[in-house]
Protein backbone atom coordinates (compact mmCIF):
# COMPACT_ATOMS: atom_id res chain seq x y z
CA MET A 1 12.36 18.35 -201.92
CA ASN A 2 14.62 16.85 -199.28
CA ALA A 3 14.82 12.74 -199.10
CA GLN A 4 12.08 12.83 -196.52
CA GLN A 5 9.45 14.84 -198.77
CA TYR A 6 10.48 12.35 -201.86
CA ALA A 7 9.83 9.54 -199.76
CA GLU A 8 6.27 11.09 -198.17
CA GLN A 9 5.22 11.43 -201.66
CA ALA A 10 6.03 7.73 -202.11
CA ASN A 11 4.22 6.65 -199.40
CA GLY A 12 1.26 8.79 -200.05
CA SER A 13 1.02 6.82 -203.57
CA PHE A 14 1.51 3.42 -202.64
CA ALA A 15 0.98 1.44 -199.01
CA LEU A 16 2.48 -1.36 -197.78
CA PRO A 17 0.07 -4.25 -197.93
CA ASP A 18 -1.85 -4.96 -194.27
CA ALA A 19 -0.58 -8.27 -194.57
CA CYS A 20 2.81 -7.28 -193.93
CA PHE A 21 1.99 -5.35 -190.63
CA LYS A 22 0.12 -8.20 -189.68
CA VAL A 23 2.85 -10.79 -190.29
CA LYS A 24 5.23 -8.41 -188.41
CA ALA A 25 2.98 -8.31 -185.37
CA LEU A 26 2.47 -12.12 -184.99
CA MET A 27 6.34 -11.94 -185.01
CA GLU A 28 6.25 -10.28 -181.93
CA ASP A 29 3.76 -11.95 -180.41
CA GLU A 30 5.46 -15.00 -178.60
CA SER A 31 2.11 -16.83 -178.36
CA SER A 32 1.47 -17.00 -182.37
CA VAL A 33 2.05 -20.49 -184.05
CA ILE A 34 2.38 -21.28 -187.72
CA GLU A 35 -1.62 -21.45 -188.58
CA ASP A 36 -1.65 -17.91 -187.56
CA PHE A 37 0.67 -16.68 -190.23
CA ALA A 38 -0.67 -19.31 -193.01
CA ASN A 39 -4.24 -17.90 -192.44
CA VAL A 40 -2.93 -13.91 -192.94
CA ILE A 41 -1.21 -15.09 -195.88
CA SER A 42 -3.71 -17.59 -197.75
CA VAL A 43 -6.49 -14.91 -197.46
CA ASP A 44 -4.15 -13.50 -200.60
CA PRO A 45 -4.15 -16.55 -203.38
CA SER A 46 -2.17 -14.22 -205.24
CA MET A 47 0.10 -13.44 -202.69
CA THR A 48 0.07 -17.01 -201.60
CA SER A 49 1.44 -18.46 -205.36
CA ARG A 50 3.76 -15.82 -205.57
CA LEU A 51 5.52 -16.44 -202.13
CA LEU A 52 5.57 -20.16 -203.05
CA LYS A 53 7.91 -19.05 -206.40
CA ILE A 54 10.18 -17.56 -204.15
CA ALA A 55 10.44 -19.97 -201.55
CA ASN A 56 11.33 -22.34 -204.26
CA SER A 57 13.81 -20.24 -206.60
CA ALA A 58 17.19 -19.81 -206.59
CA VAL A 59 17.03 -17.44 -203.48
CA TYR A 60 16.24 -20.33 -200.87
CA SER A 61 18.20 -23.30 -203.00
CA PHE A 62 15.85 -26.17 -201.30
CA SER A 63 16.14 -29.72 -202.50
CA GLY A 64 12.33 -30.55 -202.17
CA GLU A 65 9.61 -28.51 -203.39
CA ILE A 66 7.55 -26.20 -201.01
CA SER A 67 3.96 -26.54 -202.12
CA THR A 68 2.26 -24.95 -199.00
CA ILE A 69 2.95 -21.76 -197.02
CA SER A 70 2.61 -23.77 -193.78
CA ARG A 71 5.40 -25.87 -194.93
CA ALA A 72 7.31 -23.06 -195.92
CA ILE A 73 7.02 -21.44 -192.49
CA THR A 74 7.83 -24.71 -191.00
CA ILE A 75 11.25 -24.98 -193.16
CA ILE A 76 12.35 -21.53 -193.56
CA GLY A 77 10.93 -19.42 -190.59
CA THR A 78 8.59 -16.48 -190.06
CA GLN A 79 11.74 -14.18 -190.64
CA ALA A 80 12.13 -15.66 -194.34
CA ILE A 81 8.31 -15.58 -194.84
CA TYR A 82 8.28 -11.82 -194.02
CA ASN A 83 11.32 -10.87 -195.81
CA MET A 84 9.78 -12.85 -198.75
CA MET A 85 6.62 -10.74 -198.53
CA LEU A 86 9.24 -7.82 -199.00
CA VAL A 87 10.12 -8.72 -202.12
CA ASP A 88 6.77 -9.23 -203.42
CA VAL A 89 6.07 -5.67 -202.14
CA ALA A 90 9.08 -4.79 -203.97
CA ALA A 91 7.84 -6.41 -207.23
CA SER A 92 4.77 -4.44 -207.12
CA ALA A 93 6.38 -1.07 -205.88
CA PHE A 94 8.65 -1.12 -208.45
CA LYS A 95 5.96 -1.40 -211.31
CA HIS A 96 3.93 1.09 -209.56
CA PHE A 97 6.65 4.00 -209.77
CA GLU A 98 8.40 2.56 -213.18
CA ASN A 99 8.39 5.37 -215.87
CA GLN A 100 10.44 5.96 -218.99
CA ALA A 101 12.28 8.62 -217.64
CA ILE A 102 15.38 6.06 -216.72
CA ASP A 103 16.58 2.93 -218.06
CA LEU A 104 14.01 0.22 -216.12
CA LYS A 105 15.86 -2.53 -217.40
CA ARG A 106 18.86 -1.32 -216.08
CA PHE A 107 17.10 -0.76 -212.62
CA TRP A 108 15.61 -3.95 -212.12
CA ARG A 109 18.65 -6.06 -213.36
CA SER A 110 21.03 -4.06 -211.00
CA SER A 111 18.43 -4.45 -208.04
CA VAL A 112 18.22 -8.19 -208.67
CA TYR A 113 22.00 -8.53 -209.12
CA CYS A 114 22.50 -6.20 -206.36
CA ALA A 115 20.31 -8.35 -203.88
CA LEU A 116 21.82 -11.85 -205.05
CA VAL A 117 25.44 -10.71 -204.40
CA SER A 118 24.31 -9.64 -201.04
CA LYS A 119 22.87 -12.61 -200.29
CA ASN A 120 25.94 -14.85 -201.69
CA LEU A 121 28.54 -12.37 -199.90
CA ALA A 122 26.63 -12.75 -196.50
CA VAL A 123 27.07 -16.43 -196.55
CA LYS A 124 30.66 -16.22 -197.19
CA ALA A 125 31.35 -13.41 -194.51
CA GLY A 126 29.41 -15.55 -192.11
CA ILE A 127 26.39 -13.76 -191.39
CA ARG A 128 22.93 -15.01 -190.22
CA ASP A 129 19.63 -14.07 -191.62
CA ILE A 130 21.28 -13.63 -194.79
CA GLU A 131 17.59 -13.01 -196.81
CA ARG A 132 17.37 -9.91 -194.96
CA LEU A 133 20.62 -8.78 -197.07
CA PHE A 134 18.93 -9.87 -200.15
CA VAL A 135 16.04 -7.37 -199.34
CA ALA A 136 18.71 -4.74 -198.17
CA GLY A 137 20.07 -5.20 -202.04
CA LEU A 138 16.83 -5.46 -203.89
CA LEU A 139 15.43 -2.32 -201.93
CA GLN A 140 18.43 -0.13 -202.07
CA ASN A 141 17.84 1.87 -205.15
CA PHE A 142 14.19 2.20 -205.02
CA GLY A 143 14.66 5.80 -204.15
CA GLU A 144 15.48 6.02 -207.84
CA LEU A 145 12.68 5.03 -209.25
CA ILE A 146 10.45 7.76 -207.05
CA VAL A 147 12.78 10.32 -208.17
CA ALA A 148 11.98 9.62 -211.98
CA LYS A 149 8.56 9.93 -210.95
CA GLU A 150 8.60 12.82 -209.00
CA THR A 151 11.12 15.36 -210.67
CA PRO A 152 12.38 13.02 -214.20
CA GLU A 153 14.42 15.43 -215.38
CA ILE A 154 16.63 15.23 -212.27
CA ALA A 155 16.86 11.64 -212.44
CA GLN A 156 17.92 11.88 -216.25
CA LYS A 157 20.96 13.96 -215.44
CA ALA A 158 22.22 11.98 -212.50
CA GLU A 159 21.84 8.77 -215.18
CA LYS A 160 24.19 9.97 -217.09
CA TYR A 161 27.60 8.29 -215.67
CA THR A 162 30.81 9.07 -215.81
CA GLN A 163 34.11 7.73 -215.19
CA LYS A 164 35.08 10.83 -213.05
CA ALA A 165 32.10 10.31 -210.58
CA LEU A 166 30.11 7.04 -209.03
CA PRO A 167 26.70 7.22 -209.27
CA TRP A 168 26.21 8.44 -205.73
CA ALA A 169 28.25 11.08 -206.31
CA ILE A 170 26.37 12.43 -209.18
CA GLN A 171 23.05 12.09 -206.96
CA ARG A 172 24.58 14.00 -204.29
CA HIS A 173 25.33 17.19 -206.84
CA TYR A 174 22.16 17.00 -208.40
CA LEU A 175 19.77 16.62 -205.19
CA GLY A 176 22.14 16.99 -202.04
CA PHE A 177 21.65 13.26 -201.15
CA THR A 178 21.37 9.72 -202.35
CA TYR A 179 18.73 7.74 -204.00
CA THR A 180 19.36 5.59 -201.00
CA ASP A 181 18.51 7.96 -198.35
CA ILE A 182 15.10 8.19 -199.95
CA THR A 183 14.69 4.51 -199.43
CA ALA A 184 15.85 4.59 -195.96
CA GLU A 185 13.33 7.42 -195.38
CA LEU A 186 10.57 5.51 -197.13
CA LEU A 187 11.32 2.13 -195.28
CA SER A 188 11.10 3.94 -192.37
CA MET A 189 7.76 4.79 -192.95
CA TRP A 190 6.59 1.40 -193.95
CA GLN A 191 7.97 0.60 -190.11
CA ILE A 192 10.47 -2.08 -192.17
CA PRO A 193 12.83 -3.54 -189.50
CA GLU A 194 15.86 -1.20 -188.69
CA LYS A 195 18.43 -4.43 -189.30
CA ILE A 196 16.91 -3.82 -193.18
CA ILE A 197 17.38 -0.40 -193.08
CA LEU A 198 20.66 0.08 -191.77
CA PRO A 199 22.77 -1.16 -194.34
CA ILE A 200 20.93 0.78 -196.98
CA ARG A 201 21.23 4.26 -194.67
CA HIS A 202 24.81 3.80 -194.32
CA PHE A 203 26.58 1.68 -197.14
CA ASN A 204 28.16 4.67 -198.77
CA GLN A 205 30.02 5.18 -195.28
CA ALA A 206 31.03 1.40 -195.33
CA LYS A 207 34.78 2.64 -194.75
CA ASP A 208 33.82 4.53 -191.82
CA ILE A 209 31.97 1.96 -189.84
CA GLN A 210 34.17 -0.82 -188.38
CA ILE A 211 31.41 -3.15 -186.66
CA ASN A 212 28.41 -3.59 -188.93
CA LYS A 213 29.15 -6.56 -191.59
CA ASP A 214 25.74 -6.03 -193.33
CA VAL A 215 27.42 -2.22 -194.44
CA LYS A 216 30.10 -3.50 -195.91
CA VAL A 217 28.42 -6.56 -197.99
CA LEU A 218 25.78 -4.27 -199.28
CA TYR A 219 28.61 -1.69 -200.28
CA LEU A 220 30.56 -4.39 -202.06
CA ALA A 221 27.38 -5.66 -203.76
CA SER A 222 26.46 -2.22 -205.14
CA ARG A 223 29.67 -2.04 -206.96
CA LEU A 224 29.42 -5.51 -208.31
CA ALA A 225 26.08 -3.96 -209.70
CA LEU A 226 27.36 -1.19 -210.86
CA VAL A 227 30.26 -2.71 -212.96
CA ASP A 228 27.63 -5.47 -214.37
CA SER A 229 25.30 -2.54 -215.49
CA HIS A 230 28.69 -0.46 -216.95
CA PRO A 231 31.57 -2.15 -217.21
CA GLU A 232 32.76 0.26 -219.89
CA ILE A 233 32.51 3.25 -217.50
CA TYR A 234 33.15 1.52 -214.51
CA PRO A 235 35.82 -1.32 -214.85
CA TYR A 236 36.04 -3.91 -211.63
CA ASP A 237 39.32 -2.90 -210.84
CA GLU A 238 38.61 0.69 -210.29
CA THR A 239 35.15 0.57 -208.99
CA VAL A 240 35.60 -2.79 -206.11
CA ASP A 241 37.63 -1.84 -202.92
CA GLU A 242 39.74 -4.38 -202.15
CA GLN A 243 40.65 -2.98 -198.99
CA MET A 244 36.92 -3.46 -198.23
CA CYS A 245 36.88 -7.10 -198.78
CA LYS A 246 39.57 -7.47 -196.34
CA ALA A 247 37.87 -5.89 -193.83
CA LEU A 248 34.76 -7.90 -194.41
CA GLY A 249 36.94 -11.56 -194.85
CA VAL A 250 36.39 -12.36 -198.39
CA THR A 251 38.66 -12.78 -201.13
CA ASN A 252 39.04 -11.74 -204.78
CA ASP A 253 37.18 -15.51 -205.80
CA ASP A 254 34.70 -15.05 -203.24
CA LEU A 255 33.42 -11.45 -205.09
CA ASP A 256 33.97 -13.50 -208.72
CA GLN A 257 32.00 -16.35 -207.27
CA ALA A 258 29.36 -13.89 -205.83
CA ALA A 259 29.34 -12.07 -209.39
CA GLN A 260 29.03 -15.29 -211.12
CA TYR A 261 26.14 -16.39 -209.12
CA ALA A 262 23.99 -13.06 -209.48
CA ALA A 263 24.72 -13.67 -213.15
CA ASN A 264 23.52 -17.10 -213.69
CA GLU A 265 20.39 -16.50 -210.98
CA ALA A 266 19.29 -13.04 -212.15
CA GLN A 267 16.75 -13.70 -214.73
CA GLU A 268 15.01 -16.38 -212.86
CA ILE A 269 14.12 -13.90 -210.25
CA LEU A 270 13.49 -11.32 -212.46
CA ASN A 271 10.56 -13.76 -214.04
CA ILE A 272 9.38 -14.49 -210.45
CA MET A 273 8.86 -10.65 -209.65
CA ASN A 274 7.40 -10.61 -213.51
CA ALA A 275 9.84 -7.85 -214.83
CA LYS A 276 8.70 -7.01 -218.32
CA PHE A 277 10.57 -4.49 -220.56
CA PHE A 278 9.26 -3.23 -223.88
């Protein structure tokens, strides 16, 4: 199968909730008001509860408690609410596709860690709408779960990491493309905004892209997540590209702080996403 075919299989198995499409449509309607968004979301009490947990988490770090969707929209905006819905969808999708072909604990932590690093580096790089980088970091490796469910034997081979090659090179060896290619195809089918998909689609070519900071942020975040997961195979000095740091305008201290932030907050986000391992 090619990347699109894997994505089509996933799309046929798990659909984006109607609420996501409705909120996206409201965002594109200039006449929409806060109550319109709140009405769409509040129909699902379970989603409302989860979104409020995210709004009060380390992702946003507000000093006062956010107790209603209307207040959340007022404080953080409709785009942030939409991004939070995507985080909620990611948690559901991860659980839908998870299986024992790969190390699930590693997958979940790496995804959340990459999301947190992406958000933190986006701040340091002066990027606006930083939550979209959190979403991109969280979802970028979703294709691994899809491959693990559809063709577990390939996923198991691709998980046998080696110092001789980064995971993306191993994926290309067995598949002819990467897990992020599958993710990008699926997110396109789900009509996710292109500004979230773009860094996922291109971050492995970050050295060739001179103008988009989002791509560079995800490139660095994915490699810091790799170091966090497998420091014995992928040591920091050999995995993180300092030239990319310079191109993005971040320092080694910035990377250290982003990594520490992700390490400190990852468990809270995993708890909110209800990631459980047995």
